Amino acid sequence: MTSETRRDVFQAIADPTRRKIVDLIAHQRQPMNLKTIADYFNISRPAISQQIKILNECGLVEIRKQGRETFCSIQPQELKKIAEWAGRYSRLWEQRIDAFETYVTKLHAKKNKRNGKSK
């Protein structure tokens, strides 16, 4: 697959099985073999292989053959792209939640003032 047709990392993580695979591999200290990964799922090994192929095509997972075994390891630089993108929206929502909290506090203070209550 050429770089022009490389899969999009966001399309890859849109699938819940692929997200679980990424999570599983990311938390390992060493590469995992395909059979071990497949043992965590209730789908066939060929189906897991296909999911890992997609993750490899978008650069999230590196596949390495060693003899008859296939080993997979996470590629953190691609995960960093996802984290940076999501982080922009995290800050936006934090600002909105803070503004909403301020608004609710003001409403509560006004209500207490009308009812003659003090904090």
C-alpha atoms as a PDB file:
ATOM      1  CA  MET A   1       0.000   0.000   0.000  1.00  0.00           C
ATOM      2  CA  THR A   2       1.502   3.358  -0.967  1.00  0.00           C
ATOM      3  CA  SER A   3       1.499   6.405   1.267  1.00  0.00           C
ATOM      4  CA  GLU A   4      -1.209   7.979  -0.950  1.00  0.00           C
ATOM      5  CA  THR A   5      -3.581   5.095  -0.193  1.00  0.00           C
ATOM      6  CA  ARG A   6      -2.555   4.646   3.430  1.00  0.00           C
ATOM      7  CA  ARG A   7      -5.506   4.167   5.745  1.00  0.00           C
ATOM      8  CA  ASP A   8      -6.589   6.987   8.021  1.00  0.00           C
ATOM      9  CA  VAL A   9      -5.752   6.456  11.684  1.00  0.00           C
ATOM     10  CA  PHE A  10      -9.152   7.835  12.718  1.00  0.00           C
ATOM     11  CA  GLN A  11     -10.993   5.354  10.514  1.00  0.00           C
ATOM     12  CA  ALA A  12      -8.934   2.591  12.085  1.00  0.00           C
ATOM     13  CA  ILE A  13      -9.858   3.516  15.659  1.00  0.00           C
ATOM     14  CA  ALA A  14     -13.518   3.964  14.771  1.00  0.00           C
ATOM     15  CA  ASP A  15     -13.943   0.193  15.100  1.00  0.00           C
ATOM     16  CA  PRO A  16     -14.344  -1.040  18.721  1.00  0.00           C
ATOM     17  CA  THR A  17     -12.437  -4.285  18.083  1.00  0.00           C
ATOM     18  CA  ARG A  18      -9.474  -2.379  16.683  1.00  0.00           C
ATOM     19  CA  ARG A  19      -9.533   0.001  19.659  1.00  0.00           C
ATOM     20  CA  LYS A  20      -9.433  -3.004  21.995  1.00  0.00           C
ATOM     21  CA  ILE A  21      -6.519  -4.474  20.058  1.00  0.00           C
ATOM     22  CA  VAL A  22      -4.610  -1.184  20.278  1.00  0.00           C
ATOM     23  CA  ASP A  23      -5.333  -0.988  24.003  1.00  0.00           C
ATOM     24  CA  LEU A  24      -4.184  -4.559  24.534  1.00  0.00           C
ATOM     25  CA  ILE A  25      -0.935  -4.185  22.595  1.00  0.00           C
ATOM     26  CA  ALA A  26      -0.180  -0.725  24.015  1.00  0.00           C
ATOM     27  CA  HIS A  27      -0.155  -2.047  27.577  1.00  0.00           C
ATOM     28  CA  GLN A  28       2.440  -4.744  26.870  1.00  0.00           C
ATOM     29  CA  ARG A  29       6.142  -4.311  27.549  1.00  0.00           C
ATOM     30  CA  GLN A  30       7.057  -6.424  24.528  1.00  0.00           C
ATOM     31  CA  PRO A  31       5.481  -7.311  21.175  1.00  0.00           C
ATOM     32  CA  MET A  32       2.556  -9.750  21.303  1.00  0.00           C
ATOM     33  CA  ASN A  33       2.160 -12.689  18.977  1.00  0.00           C
ATOM     34  CA  LEU A  34      -0.974 -12.936  16.889  1.00  0.00           C
ATOM     35  CA  LYS A  35      -2.264 -16.066  18.623  1.00  0.00           C
ATOM     36  CA  THR A  36      -2.060 -14.407  22.050  1.00  0.00           C
ATOM     37  CA  ILE A  37      -3.946 -11.375  20.766  1.00  0.00           C
ATOM     38  CA  ALA A  38      -6.622 -13.576  19.178  1.00  0.00           C
ATOM     39  CA  ASP A  39      -7.104 -15.423  22.488  1.00  0.00           C
ATOM     40  CA  TYR A  40      -8.538 -12.199  23.993  1.00  0.00           C
ATOM     41  CA  PHE A  41     -11.393 -12.069  21.476  1.00  0.00           C
ATOM     42  CA  ASN A  42     -14.391 -14.187  20.538  1.00  0.00           C
ATOM     43  CA  ILE A  43     -13.711 -13.876  16.835  1.00  0.00           C
ATOM     44  CA  SER A  44     -11.566 -15.977  14.526  1.00  0.00           C
ATOM     45  CA  ARG A  45      -7.828 -15.593  14.215  1.00  0.00           C
ATOM     46  CA  PRO A  46      -8.170 -14.605  10.521  1.00  0.00           C
ATOM     47  CA  ALA A  47     -10.600 -11.856  11.580  1.00  0.00           C
ATOM     48  CA  ILE A  48      -8.066 -10.604  14.139  1.00  0.00           C
ATOM     49  CA  SER A  49      -5.366 -10.760  11.458  1.00  0.00           C
ATOM     50  CA  GLN A  50      -7.511  -8.568   9.212  1.00  0.00           C
ATOM     51  CA  GLN A  51      -8.056  -6.026  12.004  1.00  0.00           C
ATOM     52  CA  ILE A  52      -4.322  -5.932  12.738  1.00  0.00           C
ATOM     53  CA  LYS A  53      -3.580  -5.510   9.022  1.00  0.00           C
ATOM     54  CA  ILE A  54      -5.755  -2.384   9.023  1.00  0.00           C
ATOM     55  CA  LEU A  55      -4.000  -1.074  12.145  1.00  0.00           C
ATOM     56  CA  ASN A  56      -0.671  -1.720  10.433  1.00  0.00           C
ATOM     57  CA  GLU A  57      -1.755   0.080   7.252  1.00  0.00           C
ATOM     58  CA  CYS A  58      -2.518   3.233   9.212  1.00  0.00           C
ATOM     59  CA  GLY A  59       0.717   3.030  11.195  1.00  0.00           C
ATOM     60  CA  LEU A  60      -0.708   2.223  14.629  1.00  0.00           C
ATOM     61  CA  VAL A  61       0.740  -1.286  14.821  1.00  0.00           C
ATOM     62  CA  GLU A  62       3.982  -2.696  13.505  1.00  0.00           C
ATOM     63  CA  ILE A  63       3.932  -6.313  12.308  1.00  0.00           C
ATOM     64  CA  ARG A  64       7.120  -8.360  12.474  1.00  0.00           C
ATOM     65  CA  LYS A  65       7.550 -11.968  11.341  1.00  0.00           C
ATOM     66  CA  GLN A  66       9.878 -14.162  13.344  1.00  0.00           C
ATOM     67  CA  GLY A  67       9.948 -17.668  11.972  1.00  0.00           C
ATOM     68  CA  ARG A  68       6.362 -18.870  11.815  1.00  0.00           C
ATOM     69  CA  GLU A  69       5.179 -16.361  14.412  1.00  0.00           C
ATOM     70  CA  THR A  70       3.772 -12.899  13.763  1.00  0.00           C
ATOM     71  CA  PHE A  71       4.441 -10.290  16.426  1.00  0.00           C
ATOM     72  CA  CYS A  72       2.682  -6.956  16.841  1.00  0.00           C
ATOM     73  CA  SER A  73       3.846  -3.849  18.640  1.00  0.00           C
ATOM     74  CA  ILE A  74       2.307  -0.433  19.064  1.00  0.00           C
ATOM     75  CA  GLN A  75       3.613   2.615  17.204  1.00  0.00           C
ATOM     76  CA  PRO A  76       3.247   5.445  19.727  1.00  0.00           C
ATOM     77  CA  GLN A  77       3.833   8.306  17.285  1.00  0.00           C
ATOM     78  CA  GLU A  78       0.488   7.602  15.618  1.00  0.00           C
ATOM     79  CA  LEU A  79      -1.250   7.416  18.997  1.00  0.00           C
ATOM     80  CA  LYS A  80       0.240  10.816  19.791  1.00  0.00           C
ATOM     81  CA  LYS A  81      -1.525  12.294  16.740  1.00  0.00           C
ATOM     82  CA  ILE A  82      -4.853  11.002  18.061  1.00  0.00           C
ATOM     83  CA  ALA A  83      -4.164  12.332  21.559  1.00  0.00           C
ATOM     84  CA  GLU A  84      -3.211  15.762  20.231  1.00  0.00           C
ATOM     85  CA  TRP A  85      -6.348  15.983  18.112  1.00  0.00           C
ATOM     86  CA  ALA A  86      -8.616  14.860  20.959  1.00  0.00           C
ATOM     87  CA  GLY A  87      -6.786  17.174  23.366  1.00  0.00           C
ATOM     88  CA  ARG A  88      -7.937  20.234  21.430  1.00  0.00           C
ATOM     89  CA  TYR A  89     -11.537  19.257  22.059  1.00  0.00           C
ATOM     90  CA  SER A  90     -10.841  18.327  25.659  1.00  0.00           C
ATOM     91  CA  ARG A  91      -9.735  21.891  26.397  1.00  0.00           C
ATOM     92  CA  LEU A  92     -12.795  23.261  24.591  1.00  0.00           C
ATOM     93  CA  TRP A  93     -15.163  21.126  26.691  1.00  0.00           C
ATOM     94  CA  GLU A  94     -13.350  22.011  29.914  1.00  0.00           C
ATOM     95  CA  GLN A  95     -13.879  25.696  29.112  1.00  0.00           C
ATOM     96  CA  ARG A  96     -17.557  25.115  28.356  1.00  0.00           C
ATOM     97  CA  ILE A  97     -18.072  23.092  31.529  1.00  0.00           C
ATOM     98  CA  ASP A  98     -16.334  25.780  33.590  1.00  0.00           C
ATOM     99  CA  ALA A  99     -18.560  28.454  32.013  1.00  0.00           C
ATOM    100  CA  PHE A 100     -21.657  26.350  32.710  1.00  0.00           C
ATOM    101  CA  GLU A 101     -20.589  25.831  36.322  1.00  0.00           C
ATOM    102  CA  THR A 102     -20.153  29.594  36.736  1.00  0.00           C
ATOM    103  CA  TYR A 103     -23.598  30.179  35.212  1.00  0.00           C
ATOM    104  CA  VAL A 104     -25.264  27.631  37.526  1.00  0.00           C
ATOM    105  CA  THR A 105     -23.520  29.130  40.565  1.00  0.00           C
ATOM    106  CA  LYS A 106     -24.821  32.602  39.639  1.00  0.00           C
ATOM    107  CA  LEU A 107     -28.354  31.255  39.149  1.00  0.00           C
ATOM    108  CA  HIS A 108     -28.188  29.494  42.501  1.00  0.00           C
ATOM    109  CA  ALA A 109     -26.977  32.691  44.202  1.00  0.00           C
ATOM    110  CA  LYS A 110     -29.820  34.709  42.613  1.00  0.00           C
ATOM    111  CA  LYS A 111     -32.389  32.123  43.722  1.00  0.00           C
ATOM    112  CA  ASN A 112     -31.058  32.154  47.274  1.00  0.00           C
ATOM    113  CA  LYS A 113     -31.084  35.956  47.319  1.00  0.00           C
ATOM    114  CA  ARG A 114     -34.741  36.044  46.181  1.00  0.00           C
ATOM    115  CA  ASN A 115     -35.708  33.500  48.821  1.00  0.00           C
ATOM    116  CA  GLY A 116     -33.857  35.408  51.530  1.00  0.00           C
ATOM    117  CA  LYS A 117     -31.301  32.660  52.044  1.00  0.00           C
ATOM    118  CA  SER A 118     -27.608  33.207  52.388  1.00  0.00           C
ATOM    119  CA  LYS A 119     -24.828  30.750  51.808  1.00  0.00           C
END
